[in-house]
Amino acid sequence: MSANPIAYVEIPVTDMARAMAFYADVLGFDFERQMIDGYDMALFPAAEGAAGASGALVKGDVYVPGKTGPIVYFRVADLDAVLKRARARGAKILYDKKDVGAFGFVAEIEDSEGNRIALSAAK
């Protein structure tokens, strides 16, 4: 296999403005907002040909936020700073910062919509 298998991820939201504000503040994202196939989407930044996957916040009848199911990991430069911003925005810390050896550090939080998301940082 020549590339990582995940190409794109959609994170369900119930309040797009609230979710966009949360992700912009906590992770520093700028979004491109579009209606695609009748669904309100806020696309994460993406660079054509760059490593890794991108995705979107998505609001619609088939998108239900939750803490079960797949967990999306966001790579961050400073995990402590991101956790501090998340706490300031009222996020619940579901799995506090943990050293996972050669993989660096991870943590999990509940976003503004009730989704479990994970954070990953190098040592």
Protein backbone atom coordinates (compact mmCIF):
# COMPACT_ATOMS: atom_id res chain seq x y z
CA MET A 1 0.00 0.00 0.00
CA SER A 2 1.51 3.34 -1.03
CA ALA A 3 -0.69 5.66 1.07
CA ASN A 4 -2.48 5.73 4.38
CA PRO A 5 -5.96 4.22 3.94
CA ILE A 6 -8.07 7.01 5.48
CA ALA A 7 -8.91 9.66 2.87
CA TYR A 8 -11.63 11.79 4.44
CA VAL A 9 -13.60 12.04 7.72
CA GLU A 10 -16.97 13.62 8.54
CA ILE A 11 -17.78 14.71 12.10
CA PRO A 12 -21.51 15.08 12.86
CA VAL A 13 -22.78 18.31 14.43
CA THR A 14 -26.13 19.66 15.56
CA ASP A 15 -25.15 23.35 15.74
CA MET A 16 -22.75 24.28 12.93
CA ALA A 17 -21.89 27.76 14.23
CA ARG A 18 -21.09 26.41 17.71
CA ALA A 19 -19.02 23.53 16.30
CA MET A 20 -17.08 25.79 13.94
CA ALA A 21 -16.30 28.19 16.81
CA PHE A 22 -15.14 25.27 18.99
CA TYR A 23 -12.80 23.76 16.38
CA ALA A 24 -11.51 27.18 15.29
CA ASP A 25 -10.66 28.16 18.87
CA VAL A 26 -9.34 24.81 20.12
CA LEU A 27 -7.49 23.60 17.01
CA GLY A 28 -7.01 26.84 15.06
CA PHE A 29 -8.91 25.75 11.95
CA ASP A 30 -10.26 27.97 9.21
CA PHE A 31 -13.20 26.45 7.38
CA GLU A 32 -14.67 26.53 3.90
CA ARG A 33 -18.42 26.26 4.35
CA GLN A 34 -20.49 24.64 1.60
CA MET A 35 -23.79 22.91 0.95
CA ILE A 36 -22.98 19.52 -0.58
CA ASP A 37 -25.78 17.18 -1.61
CA GLY A 38 -28.14 19.09 0.68
CA TYR A 39 -25.90 18.90 3.74
CA ASP A 40 -24.33 21.85 5.56
CA MET A 41 -20.56 21.24 5.66
CA ALA A 42 -17.61 23.11 7.10
CA LEU A 43 -14.54 21.68 5.37
CA PHE A 44 -11.29 21.39 7.32
CA PRO A 45 -8.17 22.83 5.71
CA ALA A 46 -6.71 20.51 3.07
CA ALA A 47 -3.58 20.65 0.94
CA GLU A 48 -3.69 18.72 -2.32
CA GLY A 49 -1.01 16.03 -2.37
CA ALA A 50 -0.12 16.44 1.33
CA ALA A 51 0.12 13.47 3.67
CA GLY A 52 -2.84 12.65 5.88
CA ALA A 53 -6.58 13.01 5.54
CA SER A 54 -8.92 15.95 5.78
CA GLY A 55 -12.63 16.12 6.46
CA ALA A 56 -15.52 18.27 7.52
CA LEU A 57 -18.01 19.12 10.20
CA VAL A 58 -21.38 18.03 8.80
CA LYS A 59 -24.97 18.81 9.79
CA GLY A 60 -27.89 16.82 8.45
CA ASP A 61 -30.53 14.22 9.18
CA VAL A 62 -28.15 11.26 8.84
CA TYR A 63 -25.41 12.82 11.00
CA VAL A 64 -25.74 12.14 14.74
CA PRO A 65 -22.99 13.22 17.15
CA GLY A 66 -21.83 10.66 19.71
CA LYS A 67 -19.04 9.18 21.75
CA THR A 68 -19.30 5.65 20.36
CA GLY A 69 -17.96 4.44 17.05
CA PRO A 70 -14.76 5.51 15.31
CA ILE A 71 -12.49 8.05 16.99
CA VAL A 72 -10.83 10.72 14.88
CA TYR A 73 -7.30 11.73 15.95
CA PHE A 74 -6.16 15.29 15.28
CA ARG A 75 -2.40 15.86 15.19
CA VAL A 76 -1.42 18.93 17.25
CA ALA A 77 1.90 20.63 17.91
CA ASP A 78 1.30 21.37 21.62
CA LEU A 79 -1.09 18.98 23.35
CA ASP A 80 -1.05 20.84 26.67
CA ALA A 81 -2.04 24.13 24.99
CA VAL A 82 -4.85 22.44 23.05
CA LEU A 83 -6.20 20.76 26.19
CA LYS A 84 -6.12 24.13 27.99
CA ARG A 85 -8.14 25.78 25.19
CA ALA A 86 -10.56 22.84 25.13
CA ARG A 87 -11.16 23.11 28.88
CA ALA A 88 -11.71 26.87 28.51
CA ARG A 89 -14.43 26.12 25.92
CA GLY A 90 -16.12 23.69 28.33
CA ALA A 91 -14.89 20.46 26.76
CA LYS A 92 -14.90 17.36 28.93
CA ILE A 93 -11.56 15.57 29.12
CA LEU A 94 -12.45 11.92 28.43
CA TYR A 95 -8.89 10.54 28.46
CA ASP A 96 -6.21 12.77 29.94
CA LYS A 97 -2.78 13.18 28.34
CA LYS A 98 -1.00 9.85 28.16
CA ASP A 99 2.51 8.97 27.03
CA VAL A 100 2.21 6.20 24.43
CA GLY A 101 5.90 5.60 23.88
CA ALA A 102 7.19 5.97 20.33
CA PHE A 103 3.77 7.30 19.24
CA GLY A 104 4.14 10.39 21.45
CA PHE A 105 1.20 11.62 23.53
CA VAL A 106 -2.55 11.24 23.16
CA ALA A 107 -5.67 12.57 24.87
CA GLU A 108 -9.41 12.45 24.18
CA ILE A 109 -12.01 15.17 24.64
CA GLU A 110 -15.71 15.66 24.08
CA ASP A 111 -16.29 18.40 21.52
CA SER A 112 -19.07 21.01 21.64
CA GLU A 113 -21.46 18.58 19.91
CA GLY A 114 -20.91 15.53 22.12
CA ASN A 115 -18.42 13.71 19.86
CA ARG A 116 -15.37 11.91 21.24
CA ILE A 117 -12.29 13.22 19.43
CA ALA A 118 -8.67 12.41 20.09
CA LEU A 119 -5.54 14.51 20.02
CA SER A 120 -2.07 13.28 19.18
CA ALA A 121 1.30 15.00 19.59
CA ALA A 122 4.89 13.97 19.00
CA LYS A 123 7.38 13.92 21.88
